Each structure stands twice: as C-alpha cells, then as structure tokens.
Amino acid sequence: KEKLKMIKLALKDWHTAHTQNLPSRIEYLKGQLSALDQKGEEENLSEAKLVELHGVTSDIHSLSRLNASIC
C-alpha cells in the first residue's frame, strides 16, 4: 500500500512537471519557428536547420494537443 502511494506521488510530480507552463513553452517554440522561417526567407536553410524546423513544428503540435486535452 505504501509503495502504491509512492508511485502515485511520483506520477503526480512527473505530470505536474511535464504539463506546467505549456502555453509559455508553446509560445517559446513559436518564436523559434518564426526565427527559422525568417532565416529561411533570407537564405536556404541547411539540412540541420530543416531538421530543427521540423522538430519545432512537431513539438508545437504535440504540446498544443496536450494543452487542449488538459483544458
């Protein structure tokens, strides 16, 4: 029974840490996306920057879905 309480507490702490400030994390990623878009308009993006762009887009999508499911 004590072990279950400890697991529940750890899960609650993990959930709080991973869902805290989702809107600000999304806004930060949108800023990164905007910067990459701007750079892409000025010059061709390197392969690494394209990978970063796709990663940021994916992260925004994932966090937005998570935020919507919580609200």
PDB file of N, CA and C in Angstrom:
ATOM      1  N   LYS A   1       0.824  -1.195   0.000  1.00  0.00           N
ATOM      2  CA  LYS A   1       0.000   0.000   0.000  1.00  0.00           C
ATOM      3  C   LYS A   1       0.870   1.262   0.000  1.00  0.00           C
ATOM      4  N   GLU A   2       1.929   1.267   0.782  1.00  0.00           N
ATOM      5  CA  GLU A   2       2.851   2.413   0.811  1.00  0.00           C
ATOM      6  C   GLU A   2       3.537   2.584  -0.538  1.00  0.00           C
ATOM      7  N   LYS A   3       3.866   1.464  -1.149  1.00  0.00           N
ATOM      8  CA  LYS A   3       4.536   1.513  -2.445  1.00  0.00           C
ATOM      9  C   LYS A   3       3.622   2.167  -3.486  1.00  0.00           C
ATOM     10  N   LEU A   4       2.344   1.842  -3.440  1.00  0.00           N
ATOM     11  CA  LEU A   4       1.381   2.428  -4.365  1.00  0.00           C
ATOM     12  C   LEU A   4       1.265   3.933  -4.145  1.00  0.00           C
ATOM     13  N   LYS A   5       1.263   4.364  -2.897  1.00  0.00           N
ATOM     14  CA  LYS A   5       1.210   5.795  -2.594  1.00  0.00           C
ATOM     15  C   LYS A   5       2.438   6.513  -3.147  1.00  0.00           C
ATOM     16  N   MET A   6       3.598   5.887  -3.018  1.00  0.00           N
ATOM     17  CA  MET A   6       4.831   6.494  -3.522  1.00  0.00           C
ATOM     18  C   MET A   6       4.793   6.596  -5.048  1.00  0.00           C
ATOM     19  N   ILE A   7       4.266   5.568  -5.693  1.00  0.00           N
ATOM     20  CA  ILE A   7       4.161   5.580  -7.153  1.00  0.00           C
ATOM     21  C   ILE A   7       3.190   6.670  -7.600  1.00  0.00           C
ATOM     22  N   LYS A   8       2.059   6.774  -6.917  1.00  0.00           N
ATOM     23  CA  LYS A   8       1.082   7.814  -7.253  1.00  0.00           C
ATOM     24  C   LYS A   8       1.677   9.208  -7.083  1.00  0.00           C
ATOM     25  N   LEU A   9       2.420   9.411  -6.013  1.00  0.00           N
ATOM     26  CA  LEU A   9       3.042  10.708  -5.766  1.00  0.00           C
ATOM     27  C   LEU A   9       4.080  11.026  -6.843  1.00  0.00           C
ATOM     28  N   ALA A  10       4.883  10.035  -7.199  1.00  0.00           N
ATOM     29  CA  ALA A  10       5.892  10.240  -8.239  1.00  0.00           C
ATOM     30  C   ALA A  10       5.228  10.551  -9.578  1.00  0.00           C
ATOM     31  N   LEU A  11       4.151   9.863  -9.881  1.00  0.00           N
ATOM     32  CA  LEU A  11       3.424  10.106 -11.129  1.00  0.00           C
ATOM     33  C   LEU A  11       2.804  11.503 -11.130  1.00  0.00           C
ATOM     34  N   LYS A  12       2.256  11.902 -10.010  1.00  0.00           N
ATOM     35  CA  LYS A  12       1.669  13.240  -9.903  1.00  0.00           C
ATOM     36  C   LYS A  12       2.743  14.312 -10.094  1.00  0.00           C
ATOM     37  N   ASP A  13       3.899  14.123  -9.478  1.00  0.00           N
ATOM     38  CA  ASP A  13       5.005  15.074  -9.638  1.00  0.00           C
ATOM     39  C   ASP A  13       5.467  15.136 -11.089  1.00  0.00           C
ATOM     40  N   TRP A  14       5.584  13.973 -11.725  1.00  0.00           N
ATOM     41  CA  TRP A  14       6.004  13.922 -13.127  1.00  0.00           C
ATOM     42  C   TRP A  14       4.996  14.660 -14.007  1.00  0.00           C
ATOM     43  N   HIS A  15       3.722  14.401 -13.787  1.00  0.00           N
ATOM     44  CA  HIS A  15       2.672  15.030 -14.583  1.00  0.00           C
ATOM     45  C   HIS A  15       2.712  16.548 -14.427  1.00  0.00           C
ATOM     46  N   THR A  16       2.863  17.007 -13.207  1.00  0.00           N
ATOM     47  CA  THR A  16       2.931  18.447 -12.947  1.00  0.00           C
ATOM     48  C   THR A  16       4.130  19.067 -13.657  1.00  0.00           C
ATOM     49  N   ALA A  17       5.265  18.405 -13.581  1.00  0.00           N
ATOM     50  CA  ALA A  17       6.482  18.936 -14.205  1.00  0.00           C
ATOM     51  C   ALA A  17       6.359  18.993 -15.723  1.00  0.00           C
ATOM     52  N   HIS A  18       5.676  18.038 -16.309  1.00  0.00           N
ATOM     53  CA  HIS A  18       5.600  17.974 -17.768  1.00  0.00           C
ATOM     54  C   HIS A  18       4.434  18.758 -18.363  1.00  0.00           C
ATOM     55  N   THR A  19       3.483  19.149 -17.553  1.00  0.00           N
ATOM     56  CA  THR A  19       2.353  19.906 -18.086  1.00  0.00           C
ATOM     57  C   THR A  19       2.339  21.345 -17.596  1.00  0.00           C
ATOM     58  N   GLN A  20       3.299  21.684 -16.767  1.00  0.00           N
ATOM     59  CA  GLN A  20       3.364  23.031 -16.221  1.00  0.00           C
ATOM     60  C   GLN A  20       3.826  24.007 -17.304  1.00  0.00           C
ATOM     61  N   ASN A  21       3.190  25.131 -17.366  1.00  0.00           N
ATOM     62  CA  ASN A  21       3.563  26.206 -18.287  1.00  0.00           C
ATOM     63  C   ASN A  21       3.540  25.798 -19.754  1.00  0.00           C
ATOM     64  N   LEU A  22       2.607  24.958 -20.130  1.00  0.00           N
ATOM     65  CA  LEU A  22       2.524  24.559 -21.537  1.00  0.00           C
ATOM     66  C   LEU A  22       2.338  25.762 -22.463  1.00  0.00           C
ATOM     67  N   PRO A  23       1.464  26.701 -22.135  1.00  0.00           N
ATOM     68  CA  PRO A  23       1.309  27.849 -23.043  1.00  0.00           C
ATOM     69  C   PRO A  23       2.614  28.624 -23.263  1.00  0.00           C
ATOM     70  N   SER A  24       3.399  28.801 -22.215  1.00  0.00           N
ATOM     71  CA  SER A  24       4.656  29.538 -22.394  1.00  0.00           C
ATOM     72  C   SER A  24       5.664  28.713 -23.189  1.00  0.00           C
ATOM     73  N   ARG A  25       5.661  27.402 -23.011  1.00  0.00           N
ATOM     74  CA  ARG A  25       6.552  26.551 -23.806  1.00  0.00           C
ATOM     75  C   ARG A  25       6.149  26.586 -25.276  1.00  0.00           C
ATOM     76  N   ILE A  26       4.846  26.605 -25.532  1.00  0.00           N
ATOM     77  CA  ILE A  26       4.357  26.678 -26.915  1.00  0.00           C
ATOM     78  C   ILE A  26       4.759  28.014 -27.533  1.00  0.00           C
ATOM     79  N   GLU A  27       4.604  29.094 -26.785  1.00  0.00           N
ATOM     80  CA  GLU A  27       4.978  30.416 -27.299  1.00  0.00           C
ATOM     81  C   GLU A  27       6.474  30.499 -27.594  1.00  0.00           C
ATOM     82  N   TYR A  28       7.287  29.902 -26.736  1.00  0.00           N
ATOM     83  CA  TYR A  28       8.731  29.879 -26.966  1.00  0.00           C
ATOM     84  C   TYR A  28       9.045  29.161 -28.282  1.00  0.00           C
ATOM     85  N   LEU A  29       8.399  28.020 -28.489  1.00  0.00           N
ATOM     86  CA  LEU A  29       8.627  27.263 -29.722  1.00  0.00           C
ATOM     87  C   LEU A  29       8.130  28.029 -30.947  1.00  0.00           C
ATOM     88  N   LYS A  30       7.033  28.752 -30.792  1.00  0.00           N
ATOM     89  CA  LYS A  30       6.539  29.569 -31.905  1.00  0.00           C
ATOM     90  C   LYS A  30       7.554  30.653 -32.263  1.00  0.00           C
ATOM     91  N   GLY A  31       8.224  31.188 -31.261  1.00  0.00           N
ATOM     92  CA  GLY A  31       9.279  32.169 -31.514  1.00  0.00           C
ATOM     93  C   GLY A  31      10.434  31.554 -32.287  1.00  0.00           C
ATOM     94  N   GLN A  32      10.810  30.338 -31.900  1.00  0.00           N
ATOM     95  CA  GLN A  32      11.868  29.631 -32.629  1.00  0.00           C
ATOM     96  C   GLN A  32      11.441  29.366 -34.069  1.00  0.00           C
ATOM     97  N   LEU A  33      10.197  28.961 -34.239  1.00  0.00           N
ATOM     98  CA  LEU A  33       9.671  28.686 -35.572  1.00  0.00           C
ATOM     99  C   LEU A  33       9.696  29.951 -36.428  1.00  0.00           C
ATOM    100  N   SER A  34       9.305  31.048 -35.837  1.00  0.00           N
ATOM    101  CA  SER A  34       9.304  32.320 -36.554  1.00  0.00           C
ATOM    102  C   SER A  34      10.720  32.708 -36.985  1.00  0.00           C
ATOM    103  N   ALA A  35      11.673  32.518 -36.092  1.00  0.00           N
ATOM    104  CA  ALA A  35      13.067  32.846 -36.416  1.00  0.00           C
ATOM    105  C   ALA A  35      13.582  31.964 -37.550  1.00  0.00           C
ATOM    106  N   LEU A  36      13.244  30.686 -37.505  1.00  0.00           N
ATOM    107  CA  LEU A  36      13.671  29.784 -38.574  1.00  0.00           C
ATOM    108  C   LEU A  36      12.994  30.134 -39.895  1.00  0.00           C
ATOM    109  N   ASP A  37      11.722  30.498 -39.833  1.00  0.00           N
ATOM    110  CA  ASP A  37      11.012  30.916 -41.047  1.00  0.00           C
ATOM    111  C   ASP A  37      11.656  32.159 -41.648  1.00  0.00           C
ATOM    112  N   GLN A  38      11.977  33.106 -40.790  1.00  0.00           N
ATOM    113  CA  GLN A  38      12.612  34.345 -41.251  1.00  0.00           C
ATOM    114  C   GLN A  38      13.949  34.043 -41.918  1.00  0.00           C
ATOM    115  N   LYS A  39      14.722  33.194 -41.271  1.00  0.00           N
ATOM    116  CA  LYS A  39      16.023  32.830 -41.831  1.00  0.00           C
ATOM    117  C   LYS A  39      15.847  32.105 -43.165  1.00  0.00           C
ATOM    118  N   GLY A  40      14.813  31.263 -43.245  1.00  0.00           N
ATOM    119  CA  GLY A  40      14.537  30.532 -44.475  1.00  0.00           C
ATOM    120  C   GLY A  40      14.122  31.442 -45.618  1.00  0.00           C
ATOM    121  N   GLU A  41      13.514  32.568 -45.297  1.00  0.00           N
ATOM    122  CA  GLU A  41      13.139  33.531 -46.335  1.00  0.00           C
ATOM    123  C   GLU A  41      14.358  34.281 -46.862  1.00  0.00           C
ATOM    124  N   GLU A  42      15.348  34.445 -46.004  1.00  0.00           N
ATOM    125  CA  GLU A  42      16.541  35.199 -46.380  1.00  0.00           C
ATOM    126  C   GLU A  42      17.568  34.339 -47.108  1.00  0.00           C
ATOM    127  N   GLU A  43      17.627  33.071 -46.754  1.00  0.00           N
ATOM    128  CA  GLU A  43      18.613  32.171 -47.355  1.00  0.00           C
ATOM    129  C   GLU A  43      18.107  30.738 -47.257  1.00  0.00           C
ATOM    130  N   ASN A  44      18.738  29.856 -48.005  1.00  0.00           N
ATOM    131  CA  ASN A  44      18.371  28.445 -47.920  1.00  0.00           C
ATOM    132  C   ASN A  44      18.829  27.883 -46.580  1.00  0.00           C
ATOM    133  N   LEU A  45      17.945  27.133 -45.948  1.00  0.00           N
ATOM    134  CA  LEU A  45      18.292  26.535 -44.663  1.00  0.00           C
ATOM    135  C   LEU A  45      19.154  25.295 -44.876  1.00  0.00           C
ATOM    136  N   SER A  46      20.100  25.113 -43.985  1.00  0.00           N
ATOM    137  CA  SER A  46      20.932  23.914 -44.034  1.00  0.00           C
ATOM    138  C   SER A  46      20.081  22.704 -43.649  1.00  0.00           C
ATOM    139  N   GLU A  47      20.610  21.542 -43.896  1.00  0.00           N
ATOM    140  CA  GLU A  47      19.895  20.304 -43.550  1.00  0.00           C
ATOM    141  C   GLU A  47      19.604  20.260 -42.049  1.00  0.00           C
ATOM    142  N   ALA A  48      20.571  20.682 -41.248  1.00  0.00           N
ATOM    143  CA  ALA A  48      20.391  20.678 -39.792  1.00  0.00           C
ATOM    144  C   ALA A  48      19.270  21.632 -39.377  1.00  0.00           C
ATOM    145  N   LYS A  49      19.207  22.790 -40.015  1.00  0.00           N
ATOM    146  CA  LYS A  49      18.156  23.760 -39.692  1.00  0.00           C
ATOM    147  C   LYS A  49      16.787  23.254 -40.143  1.00  0.00           C
ATOM    148  N   LEU A  50      16.751  22.529 -41.263  1.00  0.00           N
ATOM    149  CA  LEU A  50      15.484  21.944 -41.708  1.00  0.00           C
ATOM    150  C   LEU A  50      14.995  20.890 -40.719  1.00  0.00           C
ATOM    151  N   VAL A  51      15.924  20.093 -40.219  1.00  0.00           N
ATOM    152  CA  VAL A  51      15.569  19.091 -39.209  1.00  0.00           C
ATOM    153  C   VAL A  51      15.057  19.789 -37.952  1.00  0.00           C
ATOM    154  N   GLU A  52      15.730  20.867 -37.560  1.00  0.00           N
ATOM    155  CA  GLU A  52      15.295  21.639 -36.395  1.00  0.00           C
ATOM    156  C   GLU A  52      13.901  22.220 -36.624  1.00  0.00           C
ATOM    157  N   LEU A  53      13.668  22.742 -37.821  1.00  0.00           N
ATOM    158  CA  LEU A  53      12.367  23.312 -38.170  1.00  0.00           C
ATOM    159  C   LEU A  53      11.261  22.268 -38.039  1.00  0.00           C
ATOM    160  N   HIS A  54      11.512  21.087 -38.570  1.00  0.00           N
ATOM    161  CA  HIS A  54      10.510  20.020 -38.476  1.00  0.00           C
ATOM    162  C   HIS A  54      10.301  19.582 -37.025  1.00  0.00           C
ATOM    163  N   GLY A  55      11.379  19.553 -36.248  1.00  0.00           N
ATOM    164  CA  GLY A  55      11.271  19.186 -34.838  1.00  0.00           C
ATOM    165  C   GLY A  55      10.463  20.198 -34.045  1.00  0.00           C
ATOM    166  N   VAL A  56      10.711  21.472 -34.302  1.00  0.00           N
ATOM    167  CA  VAL A  56       9.976  22.535 -33.606  1.00  0.00           C
ATOM    168  C   VAL A  56       8.492  22.462 -33.968  1.00  0.00           C
ATOM    169  N   THR A  57       8.211  22.269 -35.243  1.00  0.00           N
ATOM    170  CA  THR A  57       6.821  22.161 -35.688  1.00  0.00           C
ATOM    171  C   THR A  57       6.130  20.980 -35.014  1.00  0.00           C
ATOM    172  N   SER A  58       6.823  19.871 -34.959  1.00  0.00           N
ATOM    173  CA  SER A  58       6.272  18.677 -34.316  1.00  0.00           C
ATOM    174  C   SER A  58       6.038  18.909 -32.822  1.00  0.00           C
ATOM    175  N   ASP A  59       6.991  19.562 -32.171  1.00  0.00           N
ATOM    176  CA  ASP A  59       6.849  19.847 -30.737  1.00  0.00           C
ATOM    177  C   ASP A  59       5.666  20.772 -30.469  1.00  0.00           C
ATOM    178  N   ILE A  60       5.498  21.786 -31.311  1.00  0.00           N
ATOM    179  CA  ILE A  60       4.360  22.698 -31.146  1.00  0.00           C
ATOM    180  C   ILE A  60       3.053  21.920 -31.265  1.00  0.00           C
ATOM    181  N   HIS A  61       2.990  21.067 -32.264  1.00  0.00           N
ATOM    182  CA  HIS A  61       1.774  20.272 -32.473  1.00  0.00           C
ATOM    183  C   HIS A  61       1.499  19.376 -31.260  1.00  0.00           C
ATOM    184  N   SER A  62       2.514  18.690 -30.789  1.00  0.00           N
ATOM    185  CA  SER A  62       2.344  17.778 -29.652  1.00  0.00           C
ATOM    186  C   SER A  62       1.927  18.521 -28.388  1.00  0.00           C
ATOM    187  N   LEU A  63       2.615  19.618 -28.101  1.00  0.00           N
ATOM    188  CA  LEU A  63       2.291  20.376 -26.892  1.00  0.00           C
ATOM    189  C   LEU A  63       0.914  21.027 -26.990  1.00  0.00           C
ATOM    190  N   SER A  64       0.538  21.456 -28.180  1.00  0.00           N
ATOM    191  CA  SER A  64      -0.788  22.056 -28.360  1.00  0.00           C
ATOM    192  C   SER A  64      -1.883  21.021 -28.121  1.00  0.00           C
ATOM    193  N   ARG A  65      -1.669  19.824 -28.624  1.00  0.00           N
ATOM    194  CA  ARG A  65      -2.650  18.753 -28.394  1.00  0.00           C
ATOM    195  C   ARG A  65      -2.736  18.411 -26.910  1.00  0.00           C
ATOM    196  N   LEU A  66      -1.584  18.338 -26.255  1.00  0.00           N
ATOM    197  CA  LEU A  66      -1.564  18.044 -24.824  1.00  0.00           C
ATOM    198  C   LEU A  66      -2.273  19.141 -24.045  1.00  0.00           C
ATOM    199  N   ASN A  67      -2.002  20.377 -24.396  1.00  0.00           N
ATOM    200  CA  ASN A  67      -2.627  21.512 -23.720  1.00  0.00           C
ATOM    201  C   ASN A  67      -4.141  21.497 -23.931  1.00  0.00           C
ATOM    202  N   ALA A  68      -4.571  21.180 -25.136  1.00  0.00           N
ATOM    203  CA  ALA A  68      -6.006  21.132 -25.425  1.00  0.00           C
ATOM    204  C   ALA A  68      -6.688  20.007 -24.648  1.00  0.00           C
ATOM    205  N   SER A  69      -5.996  18.907 -24.463  1.00  0.00           N
ATOM    206  CA  SER A  69      -6.605  17.786 -23.747  1.00  0.00           C
ATOM    207  C   SER A  69      -6.706  18.056 -22.251  1.00  0.00           C
ATOM    208  N   ILE A  70      -5.850  18.932 -21.749  1.00  0.00           N
ATOM    209  CA  ILE A  70      -5.868  19.259 -20.321  1.00  0.00           C
ATOM    210  C   ILE A  70      -6.944  20.291 -20.018  1.00  0.00           C
ATOM    211  N   CYS A  71      -7.093  21.254 -20.908  1.00  0.00           N
ATOM    212  CA  CYS A  71      -8.038  22.364 -20.673  1.00  0.00           C
ATOM    213  C   CYS A  71      -9.472  21.946 -20.846  1.00  0.00           C
TER     214      CYS A  71
END
